[in-house]
Amino acid sequence: MLERENTDPIATLRAELLRDLPDDIKRVRNAYRRAAQQAALLRDAKDFNAHQAACKTALGHLESLIKLLRWACEGAGEVDSDAPEKSNVDQLIAEAKLSLAGA
């Protein structure tokens, strides 16, 4: 009889996230860019406000995916908290939030 290999479910989850999240983040980022560009076409204030709320929600989703990826990387010992990629992502999120707040 074959014994099933005992694996840590958290380690398995981290490995799956490390495999899938980069592509998921790229898709969400591209979808956000397309949606944000549509704001220029909106002339009605009500439509623009609804669009802005949707963009803020999308940024929250993107931010959550990035945090999840960081968690997965930290468990795998692959993240340096001072890595330039971390500050670039944080800066991108902050700039996008400021842009939406000022719109």
Protein backbone atom coordinates (compact mmCIF):
# COMPACT_ATOMS: atom_id res chain seq x y z
CA MET A 1 0.00 0.00 0.00
CA LEU A 2 1.35 3.42 -0.92
CA GLU A 3 1.66 5.94 1.86
CA ARG A 4 0.61 9.43 1.05
CA GLU A 5 3.35 11.93 1.47
CA ASN A 6 2.65 14.21 4.42
CA THR A 7 3.07 17.76 3.25
CA ASP A 8 2.45 20.97 5.06
CA PRO A 9 -0.78 22.45 3.63
CA ILE A 10 0.53 25.98 4.22
CA ALA A 11 3.70 25.22 2.28
CA THR A 12 1.59 23.75 -0.51
CA LEU A 13 -0.59 26.86 -0.55
CA ARG A 14 2.45 29.15 -0.63
CA ALA A 15 3.89 27.20 -3.58
CA GLU A 16 0.61 27.45 -5.48
CA LEU A 17 0.37 31.18 -4.79
CA LEU A 18 3.95 31.74 -5.89
CA ARG A 19 3.14 29.93 -9.11
CA ASP A 20 -0.19 31.65 -9.89
CA LEU A 21 -0.20 35.13 -8.35
CA PRO A 22 2.29 36.91 -10.63
CA ASP A 23 0.08 36.23 -13.67
CA ASP A 24 -3.07 37.06 -11.70
CA ILE A 25 -1.56 40.38 -10.61
CA LYS A 26 -0.58 41.19 -14.17
CA ARG A 27 -4.13 40.50 -15.40
CA VAL A 28 -5.69 42.63 -12.64
CA ARG A 29 -3.23 45.45 -13.32
CA ASN A 30 -3.98 45.42 -17.03
CA ALA A 31 -7.73 45.34 -16.38
CA TYR A 32 -7.36 48.28 -14.00
CA ARG A 33 -5.40 50.26 -16.59
CA ARG A 34 -8.09 49.69 -19.21
CA ALA A 35 -10.85 50.65 -16.79
CA ALA A 36 -9.01 53.74 -15.56
CA GLN A 37 -8.51 54.96 -19.12
CA GLN A 38 -12.26 54.84 -19.69
CA ALA A 39 -12.72 57.66 -17.15
CA ALA A 40 -11.69 60.16 -19.82
CA LEU A 41 -14.78 59.20 -21.82
CA LEU A 42 -17.21 59.82 -18.96
CA ARG A 43 -18.89 63.21 -18.93
CA ASP A 44 -21.72 62.60 -16.47
CA ALA A 45 -20.69 63.19 -12.84
CA LYS A 46 -22.77 60.27 -11.59
CA ASP A 47 -21.15 57.87 -14.06
CA PHE A 48 -17.70 59.23 -13.23
CA ASN A 49 -18.25 58.76 -9.48
CA ALA A 50 -19.41 55.19 -10.02
CA HIS A 51 -16.40 54.57 -12.24
CA GLN A 52 -14.06 56.07 -9.65
CA ALA A 53 -15.53 53.82 -6.94
CA ALA A 54 -15.00 50.79 -9.19
CA CYS A 55 -11.38 51.82 -9.78
CA LYS A 56 -10.79 52.18 -6.04
CA THR A 57 -12.21 48.71 -5.51
CA ALA A 58 -9.93 47.35 -8.23
CA LEU A 59 -6.91 48.95 -6.56
CA GLY A 60 -7.91 47.33 -3.28
CA HIS A 61 -8.08 43.98 -5.05
CA LEU A 62 -4.66 44.55 -6.59
CA GLU A 63 -3.22 45.57 -3.24
CA SER A 64 -4.64 42.42 -1.59
CA LEU A 65 -3.09 40.20 -4.27
CA ILE A 66 0.29 41.88 -3.76
CA LYS A 67 0.08 41.40 0.01
CA LEU A 68 -0.81 37.77 -0.51
CA LEU A 69 2.17 37.35 -2.82
CA ARG A 70 4.45 38.95 -0.23
CA TRP A 71 3.13 36.54 2.40
CA ALA A 72 3.82 33.60 0.11
CA CYS A 73 7.33 34.86 -0.66
CA GLU A 74 8.20 35.48 2.99
CA GLY A 75 7.30 31.90 3.85
CA ALA A 76 9.52 30.67 1.06
CA GLY A 77 12.38 32.89 2.23
CA GLU A 78 12.48 34.77 -1.05
CA VAL A 79 11.72 38.33 0.00
CA ASP A 80 14.07 41.00 1.24
CA SER A 81 11.97 43.66 2.94
CA ASP A 82 14.25 46.33 1.47
CA ALA A 83 14.01 44.93 -2.05
CA PRO A 84 13.53 47.61 -4.73
CA GLU A 85 10.53 45.75 -6.11
CA LYS A 86 8.71 46.18 -2.79
CA SER A 87 9.19 49.94 -2.73
CA ASN A 88 8.21 50.20 -6.41
CA VAL A 89 4.94 48.36 -5.79
CA ASP A 90 4.23 50.42 -2.69
CA GLN A 91 4.94 53.60 -4.63
CA LEU A 92 2.68 52.50 -7.51
CA ILE A 93 -0.19 51.81 -5.11
CA ALA A 94 0.30 55.12 -3.28
CA GLU A 95 0.41 57.10 -6.53
CA ALA A 96 -2.71 55.40 -7.85
CA LYS A 97 -4.58 56.12 -4.61
CA LEU A 98 -3.51 59.77 -4.71
CA SER A 99 -4.56 60.03 -8.34
CA LEU A 100 -8.00 58.64 -7.56
CA ALA A 101 -8.39 60.83 -4.50
CA GLY A 102 -7.59 63.93 -6.55
CA ALA A 103 -9.85 63.04 -9.50
